[in-house]
Amino acid sequence: MERLSEGVVLIATKNAGKVKEFAHAFAGLGREVVSLHQFPELPDIPEDGSTFAENARIKAKTAGDTLQAIALADDSGLRTFALGGAPGVYSARYSGEGASDADNNAKLLRELAALELPDAADPLPDGTRLLSKAQFVCALALYDPATGQFTETEGTVDGYIISAPRGDGGFGYDPLFYLPQLGRSMAELSKEQKQHISHRGDALRKLAALLEHNG
């Protein structure tokens, strides 16, 4: 099995959108990123934890022990307040295994429509309605197989679920996640803007601070 070069960061995911975000973040640190796409012989890692943090640990440890490399994994998703926190840890497979982003977004809107909730605020200028307060969450786990130790952080960003998608950037629920302070959906942000405000960017900054503090 291929060995990783010194200093390369193994991202324990096959999610192309996440890989791009991590690559963009680590490029500024002069670090190369590889993902599980480079190791097709590895089976998918089960995500059967009950929390974002638990899933991140499972993925980091499995990938790190298998490849004997320091591995960084995240588990992230959406909490929708009107739905009691759903889809939560099931965000990627909200409408079933192998679901597309479009499938998951459509189910989210259907579930909110079924509640017949009043609008969370006045409509936006284009008529788009704010349906529910929501929060993106990202749990990061950096695992070193040589020591068995984890370094963990969590990042969040608050916003609203809107009644129709806006923007064609990002991935996942980004087109439905509206940021009042910016007047845009997450999918309408540049990579730099998203990195600055996103849950994943928040978790990465906290992780960098911990690593610097711990030497």
C-alpha atoms as a PDB file:
ATOM      1  CA  MET A   1       0.000   0.000   0.000  1.00  0.00           C
ATOM      2  CA  GLU A   2       1.271   3.477  -0.862  1.00  0.00           C
ATOM      3  CA  ARG A   3       3.026   5.331   1.965  1.00  0.00           C
ATOM      4  CA  LEU A   4       2.437   9.001   2.588  1.00  0.00           C
ATOM      5  CA  SER A   5       5.268  11.507   2.359  1.00  0.00           C
ATOM      6  CA  GLU A   6       6.383  13.369   5.452  1.00  0.00           C
ATOM      7  CA  GLY A   7       4.206  16.380   6.188  1.00  0.00           C
ATOM      8  CA  VAL A   8       1.270  15.270   4.054  1.00  0.00           C
ATOM      9  CA  VAL A   9      -2.127  15.577   5.733  1.00  0.00           C
ATOM     10  CA  LEU A  10      -4.441  12.610   5.217  1.00  0.00           C
ATOM     11  CA  ILE A  11      -8.065  13.744   5.132  1.00  0.00           C
ATOM     12  CA  ALA A  12     -10.236  10.763   6.023  1.00  0.00           C
ATOM     13  CA  THR A  13     -13.037  11.408   3.557  1.00  0.00           C
ATOM     14  CA  LYS A  14     -14.073  10.763  -0.023  1.00  0.00           C
ATOM     15  CA  ASN A  15     -16.349  13.812  -0.083  1.00  0.00           C
ATOM     16  CA  ALA A  16     -14.956  15.969  -2.893  1.00  0.00           C
ATOM     17  CA  GLY A  17     -16.452  19.167  -1.478  1.00  0.00           C
ATOM     18  CA  LYS A  18     -14.823  18.664   1.905  1.00  0.00           C
ATOM     19  CA  VAL A  19     -11.481  17.767   0.305  1.00  0.00           C
ATOM     20  CA  LYS A  20     -11.503  21.054  -1.633  1.00  0.00           C
ATOM     21  CA  GLU A  21     -12.209  23.053   1.523  1.00  0.00           C
ATOM     22  CA  PHE A  22      -9.451  21.338   3.511  1.00  0.00           C
ATOM     23  CA  ALA A  23      -6.993  21.661   0.615  1.00  0.00           C
ATOM     24  CA  HIS A  24      -7.748  25.388   0.411  1.00  0.00           C
ATOM     25  CA  ALA A  25      -7.243  25.775   4.166  1.00  0.00           C
ATOM     26  CA  PHE A  26      -3.974  23.825   4.335  1.00  0.00           C
ATOM     27  CA  ALA A  27      -2.517  25.441   1.210  1.00  0.00           C
ATOM     28  CA  GLY A  28      -2.043  28.583   3.265  1.00  0.00           C
ATOM     29  CA  LEU A  29       0.016  26.537   5.727  1.00  0.00           C
ATOM     30  CA  GLY A  30       2.185  25.067   2.988  1.00  0.00           C
ATOM     31  CA  ARG A  31       0.814  21.576   3.571  1.00  0.00           C
ATOM     32  CA  GLU A  32      -0.292  19.097   0.933  1.00  0.00           C
ATOM     33  CA  VAL A  33      -3.570  17.265   1.400  1.00  0.00           C
ATOM     34  CA  VAL A  34      -4.468  13.772   0.228  1.00  0.00           C
ATOM     35  CA  SER A  35      -7.772  12.023   0.754  1.00  0.00           C
ATOM     36  CA  LEU A  36      -9.186   8.529   0.734  1.00  0.00           C
ATOM     37  CA  HIS A  37      -9.718   8.949  -3.007  1.00  0.00           C
ATOM     38  CA  GLN A  38      -6.007   8.087  -3.320  1.00  0.00           C
ATOM     39  CA  PHE A  39      -6.684   4.745  -1.601  1.00  0.00           C
ATOM     40  CA  PRO A  40      -9.590   3.132  -3.476  1.00  0.00           C
ATOM     41  CA  GLU A  41      -8.698  -0.253  -2.010  1.00  0.00           C
ATOM     42  CA  LEU A  42      -9.954   0.902   1.399  1.00  0.00           C
ATOM     43  CA  PRO A  43     -13.623   0.161   2.128  1.00  0.00           C
ATOM     44  CA  ASP A  44     -15.965   2.922   3.202  1.00  0.00           C
ATOM     45  CA  ILE A  45     -15.707   3.698   6.900  1.00  0.00           C
ATOM     46  CA  PRO A  46     -18.975   3.161   8.800  1.00  0.00           C
ATOM     47  CA  GLU A  47     -20.353   6.307  10.430  1.00  0.00           C
ATOM     48  CA  ASP A  48     -22.407   4.713  13.164  1.00  0.00           C
ATOM     49  CA  GLY A  49     -21.656   7.095  16.011  1.00  0.00           C
ATOM     50  CA  SER A  50     -24.412   8.971  17.818  1.00  0.00           C
ATOM     51  CA  THR A  51     -22.650  12.346  17.693  1.00  0.00           C
ATOM     52  CA  PHE A  52     -20.591  14.330  15.189  1.00  0.00           C
ATOM     53  CA  ALA A  53     -17.521  14.022  17.450  1.00  0.00           C
ATOM     54  CA  GLU A  54     -17.856  10.250  17.736  1.00  0.00           C
ATOM     55  CA  ASN A  55     -18.105   9.823  13.962  1.00  0.00           C
ATOM     56  CA  ALA A  56     -15.050  12.029  13.438  1.00  0.00           C
ATOM     57  CA  ARG A  57     -13.034   9.904  15.850  1.00  0.00           C
ATOM     58  CA  ILE A  58     -14.148   6.666  14.166  1.00  0.00           C
ATOM     59  CA  LYS A  59     -13.093   7.898  10.724  1.00  0.00           C
ATOM     60  CA  ALA A  60      -9.763   9.373  11.845  1.00  0.00           C
ATOM     61  CA  LYS A  61      -8.739   6.291  13.827  1.00  0.00           C
ATOM     62  CA  THR A  62      -9.754   3.806  11.139  1.00  0.00           C
ATOM     63  CA  ALA A  63      -7.915   5.680   8.375  1.00  0.00           C
ATOM     64  CA  GLY A  64      -4.912   6.493  10.559  1.00  0.00           C
ATOM     65  CA  ASP A  65      -4.425   2.939  11.844  1.00  0.00           C
ATOM     66  CA  THR A  66      -4.901   1.417   8.389  1.00  0.00           C
ATOM     67  CA  LEU A  67      -2.444   3.707   6.608  1.00  0.00           C
ATOM     68  CA  GLN A  68      -0.216   4.368   9.638  1.00  0.00           C
ATOM     69  CA  ALA A  69      -0.458   8.101   9.028  1.00  0.00           C
ATOM     70  CA  ILE A  70      -1.659  11.080  11.003  1.00  0.00           C
ATOM     71  CA  ALA A  71      -5.249  11.464   9.879  1.00  0.00           C
ATOM     72  CA  LEU A  72      -7.723  14.306  10.111  1.00  0.00           C
ATOM     73  CA  ALA A  73     -11.423  13.524   9.920  1.00  0.00           C
ATOM     74  CA  ASP A  74     -14.498  15.609  10.262  1.00  0.00           C
ATOM     75  CA  ASP A  75     -18.131  14.887  10.725  1.00  0.00           C
ATOM     76  CA  SER A  76     -20.427  17.740   9.970  1.00  0.00           C
ATOM     77  CA  GLY A  77     -24.040  18.391   9.351  1.00  0.00           C
ATOM     78  CA  LEU A  78     -27.085  20.519   9.813  1.00  0.00           C
ATOM     79  CA  ARG A  79     -29.287  21.063  12.843  1.00  0.00           C
ATOM     80  CA  THR A  80     -32.696  22.514  11.999  1.00  0.00           C
ATOM     81  CA  PHE A  81     -34.386  23.900  15.098  1.00  0.00           C
ATOM     82  CA  ALA A  82     -37.971  23.455  13.872  1.00  0.00           C
ATOM     83  CA  LEU A  83     -37.227  19.768  13.202  1.00  0.00           C
ATOM     84  CA  GLY A  84     -35.777  19.090  16.633  1.00  0.00           C
ATOM     85  CA  GLY A  85     -32.188  19.188  15.370  1.00  0.00           C
ATOM     86  CA  ALA A  86     -32.694  17.007  12.289  1.00  0.00           C
ATOM     87  CA  PRO A  87     -31.082  15.872  10.103  1.00  0.00           C
ATOM     88  CA  GLY A  88     -28.093  15.992  12.496  1.00  0.00           C
ATOM     89  CA  VAL A  89     -25.663  13.077  12.121  1.00  0.00           C
ATOM     90  CA  TYR A  90     -27.835  11.775   9.281  1.00  0.00           C
ATOM     91  CA  SER A  91     -27.325  14.924   7.184  1.00  0.00           C
ATOM     92  CA  ALA A  92     -25.452  13.194   4.345  1.00  0.00           C
ATOM     93  CA  ARG A  93     -28.020  10.402   4.079  1.00  0.00           C
ATOM     94  CA  TYR A  94     -31.167  12.248   5.133  1.00  0.00           C
ATOM     95  CA  SER A  95     -33.208  10.917   2.216  1.00  0.00           C
ATOM     96  CA  GLY A  96     -31.514   7.493   2.148  1.00  0.00           C
ATOM     97  CA  GLU A  97     -28.138   5.854   1.510  1.00  0.00           C
ATOM     98  CA  GLY A  98     -26.483   7.248  -1.606  1.00  0.00           C
ATOM     99  CA  ALA A  99     -28.715  10.328  -1.549  1.00  0.00           C
ATOM    100  CA  SER A 100     -27.638  13.329  -3.605  1.00  0.00           C
ATOM    101  CA  ASP A 101     -27.412  16.846  -2.228  1.00  0.00           C
ATOM    102  CA  ALA A 102     -30.511  17.736  -4.239  1.00  0.00           C
ATOM    103  CA  ASP A 103     -32.416  14.795  -2.709  1.00  0.00           C
ATOM    104  CA  ASN A 104     -31.495  15.843   0.823  1.00  0.00           C
ATOM    105  CA  ASN A 105     -32.359  19.484   0.219  1.00  0.00           C
ATOM    106  CA  ALA A 106     -35.724  18.518  -1.245  1.00  0.00           C
ATOM    107  CA  LYS A 107     -36.554  16.324   1.760  1.00  0.00           C
ATOM    108  CA  LEU A 108     -35.597  19.094   4.178  1.00  0.00           C
ATOM    109  CA  LEU A 109     -37.988  21.505   2.478  1.00  0.00           C
ATOM    110  CA  ARG A 110     -40.741  18.876   2.438  1.00  0.00           C
ATOM    111  CA  GLU A 111     -40.344  18.190   6.146  1.00  0.00           C
ATOM    112  CA  LEU A 112     -40.511  21.887   6.989  1.00  0.00           C
ATOM    113  CA  ALA A 113     -43.510  22.426   4.714  1.00  0.00           C
ATOM    114  CA  ALA A 114     -45.352  19.587   6.447  1.00  0.00           C
ATOM    115  CA  LEU A 115     -45.086  21.424   9.772  1.00  0.00           C
ATOM    116  CA  GLU A 116     -46.949  24.454   8.385  1.00  0.00           C
ATOM    117  CA  LEU A 117     -44.784  26.735  10.505  1.00  0.00           C
ATOM    118  CA  PRO A 118     -45.113  30.515  10.410  1.00  0.00           C
ATOM    119  CA  ASP A 119     -42.232  32.265   8.677  1.00  0.00           C
ATOM    120  CA  ALA A 120     -39.277  32.866  10.994  1.00  0.00           C
ATOM    121  CA  ALA A 121     -39.022  36.478   9.769  1.00  0.00           C
ATOM    122  CA  ASP A 122     -40.240  38.790   7.027  1.00  0.00           C
ATOM    123  CA  PRO A 123     -39.506  37.565   3.477  1.00  0.00           C
ATOM    124  CA  LEU A 124     -36.275  38.606   1.813  1.00  0.00           C
ATOM    125  CA  PRO A 125     -36.441  41.201  -0.993  1.00  0.00           C
ATOM    126  CA  ASP A 126     -36.659  38.450  -3.628  1.00  0.00           C
ATOM    127  CA  GLY A 127     -39.590  36.819  -1.836  1.00  0.00           C
ATOM    128  CA  THR A 128     -37.570  33.968  -0.319  1.00  0.00           C
ATOM    129  CA  ARG A 129     -38.889  33.052   3.120  1.00  0.00           C
ATOM    130  CA  LEU A 130     -36.928  32.204   6.262  1.00  0.00           C
ATOM    131  CA  LEU A 131     -38.380  28.908   7.495  1.00  0.00           C
ATOM    132  CA  SER A 132     -36.389  27.969  10.579  1.00  0.00           C
ATOM    133  CA  LYS A 133     -33.318  28.846  12.564  1.00  0.00           C
ATOM    134  CA  ALA A 134     -30.534  26.375  11.867  1.00  0.00           C
ATOM    135  CA  GLN A 135     -26.921  25.623  12.669  1.00  0.00           C
ATOM    136  CA  PHE A 136     -24.101  23.974  10.778  1.00  0.00           C
ATOM    137  CA  VAL A 137     -21.793  21.909  13.009  1.00  0.00           C
ATOM    138  CA  CYS A 138     -18.330  20.507  12.283  1.00  0.00           C
ATOM    139  CA  ALA A 139     -16.438  18.164  14.614  1.00  0.00           C
ATOM    140  CA  LEU A 140     -12.761  17.626  13.794  1.00  0.00           C
ATOM    141  CA  ALA A 141     -10.558  14.813  15.070  1.00  0.00           C
ATOM    142  CA  LEU A 142      -6.822  14.634  14.370  1.00  0.00           C
ATOM    143  CA  TYR A 143      -5.465  11.179  15.205  1.00  0.00           C
ATOM    144  CA  ASP A 144      -1.851  10.039  15.609  1.00  0.00           C
ATOM    145  CA  PRO A 145      -1.553   6.239  15.362  1.00  0.00           C
ATOM    146  CA  ALA A 146       1.911   6.353  16.942  1.00  0.00           C
ATOM    147  CA  THR A 147       0.471   7.612  20.229  1.00  0.00           C
ATOM    148  CA  GLY A 148      -3.212   6.761  19.950  1.00  0.00           C
ATOM    149  CA  GLN A 149      -4.008  10.368  20.851  1.00  0.00           C
ATOM    150  CA  PHE A 150      -6.745  12.598  19.440  1.00  0.00           C
ATOM    151  CA  THR A 151      -6.851  16.380  19.127  1.00  0.00           C
ATOM    152  CA  GLU A 152     -10.453  17.523  18.738  1.00  0.00           C
ATOM    153  CA  THR A 153     -12.379  20.725  18.077  1.00  0.00           C
ATOM    154  CA  GLU A 154     -15.897  21.747  17.105  1.00  0.00           C
ATOM    155  CA  GLY A 155     -17.046  24.688  15.021  1.00  0.00           C
ATOM    156  CA  THR A 156     -20.507  26.093  14.398  1.00  0.00           C
ATOM    157  CA  VAL A 157     -22.239  28.775  12.356  1.00  0.00           C
ATOM    158  CA  ASP A 158     -25.827  29.967  12.846  1.00  0.00           C
ATOM    159  CA  GLY A 159     -28.299  30.910  10.157  1.00  0.00           C
ATOM    160  CA  TYR A 160     -31.703  30.121   8.685  1.00  0.00           C
ATOM    161  CA  ILE A 161     -33.147  27.559   6.309  1.00  0.00           C
ATOM    162  CA  ILE A 162     -34.755  29.388   3.390  1.00  0.00           C
ATOM    163  CA  SER A 163     -37.667  28.334   1.197  1.00  0.00           C
ATOM    164  CA  ALA A 164     -35.713  28.060  -2.068  1.00  0.00           C
ATOM    165  CA  PRO A 165     -32.045  27.414  -2.913  1.00  0.00           C
ATOM    166  CA  ARG A 166     -29.762  30.340  -3.665  1.00  0.00           C
ATOM    167  CA  GLY A 167     -26.290  30.172  -5.235  1.00  0.00           C
ATOM    168  CA  ASP A 168     -24.368  27.454  -7.030  1.00  0.00           C
ATOM    169  CA  GLY A 169     -21.231  27.192  -4.894  1.00  0.00           C
ATOM    170  CA  GLY A 170     -20.424  24.925  -1.977  1.00  0.00           C
ATOM    171  CA  PHE A 171     -22.161  21.590  -1.481  1.00  0.00           C
ATOM    172  CA  GLY A 172     -24.640  19.843   0.782  1.00  0.00           C
ATOM    173  CA  TYR A 173     -27.212  22.160   2.318  1.00  0.00           C
ATOM    174  CA  ASP A 174     -25.262  25.336   1.463  1.00  0.00           C
ATOM    175  CA  PRO A 175     -27.886  26.661  -1.019  1.00  0.00           C
ATOM    176  CA  LEU A 176     -30.588  26.554   1.679  1.00  0.00           C
ATOM    177  CA  PHE A 177     -28.498  27.967   4.537  1.00  0.00           C
ATOM    178  CA  TYR A 178     -28.917  31.728   4.745  1.00  0.00           C
ATOM    179  CA  LEU A 179     -26.612  34.054   6.680  1.00  0.00           C
ATOM    180  CA  PRO A 180     -28.509  37.231   7.709  1.00  0.00           C
ATOM    181  CA  GLN A 181     -25.322  39.105   8.591  1.00  0.00           C
ATOM    182  CA  LEU A 182     -24.102  38.734   4.999  1.00  0.00           C
ATOM    183  CA  GLY A 183     -27.425  38.712   3.186  1.00  0.00           C
ATOM    184  CA  ARG A 184     -26.362  35.586   1.279  1.00  0.00           C
ATOM    185  CA  SER A 185     -26.673  31.849   1.379  1.00  0.00           C
ATOM    186  CA  MET A 186     -23.587  29.764   2.088  1.00  0.00           C
ATOM    187  CA  ALA A 187     -23.613  28.745  -1.591  1.00  0.00           C
ATOM    188  CA  GLU A 188     -23.287  32.404  -2.654  1.00  0.00           C
ATOM    189  CA  LEU A 189     -19.966  32.910  -0.864  1.00  0.00           C
ATOM    190  CA  SER A 190     -16.475  32.727  -2.330  1.00  0.00           C
ATOM    191  CA  LYS A 191     -14.129  30.050  -0.972  1.00  0.00           C
ATOM    192  CA  GLU A 192     -12.348  32.700   1.093  1.00  0.00           C
ATOM    193  CA  GLN A 193     -15.598  34.067   2.529  1.00  0.00           C
ATOM    194  CA  LYS A 194     -16.868  30.601   3.349  1.00  0.00           C
ATOM    195  CA  GLN A 195     -13.606  29.601   5.010  1.00  0.00           C
ATOM    196  CA  HIS A 196     -13.791  32.719   7.163  1.00  0.00           C
ATOM    197  CA  ILE A 197     -17.333  32.168   8.416  1.00  0.00           C
ATOM    198  CA  SER A 198     -18.099  28.462   8.053  1.00  0.00           C
ATOM    199  CA  HIS A 199     -18.352  25.810  10.748  1.00  0.00           C
ATOM    200  CA  ARG A 200     -15.433  23.953   9.155  1.00  0.00           C
ATOM    201  CA  GLY A 201     -13.316  27.098   9.065  1.00  0.00           C
ATOM    202  CA  ASP A 202     -14.168  27.751  12.728  1.00  0.00           C
ATOM    203  CA  ALA A 203     -13.148  24.215  13.719  1.00  0.00           C
ATOM    204  CA  LEU A 204      -9.923  24.429  11.677  1.00  0.00           C
ATOM    205  CA  ARG A 205      -8.882  27.698  13.321  1.00  0.00           C
ATOM    206  CA  LYS A 206      -9.473  26.178  16.758  1.00  0.00           C
ATOM    207  CA  LEU A 207      -7.475  23.095  15.759  1.00  0.00           C
ATOM    208  CA  ALA A 208      -4.565  25.208  14.497  1.00  0.00           C
ATOM    209  CA  ALA A 209      -4.536  27.130  17.788  1.00  0.00           C
ATOM    210  CA  LEU A 210      -4.461  23.895  19.800  1.00  0.00           C
ATOM    211  CA  LEU A 211      -1.642  22.445  17.740  1.00  0.00           C
ATOM    212  CA  GLU A 212       0.378  25.642  18.080  1.00  0.00           C
ATOM    213  CA  HIS A 213      -0.217  25.697  21.852  1.00  0.00           C
ATOM    214  CA  ASN A 214       0.781  22.051  22.228  1.00  0.00           C
ATOM    215  CA  GLY A 215       3.811  22.485  20.021  1.00  0.00           C
END
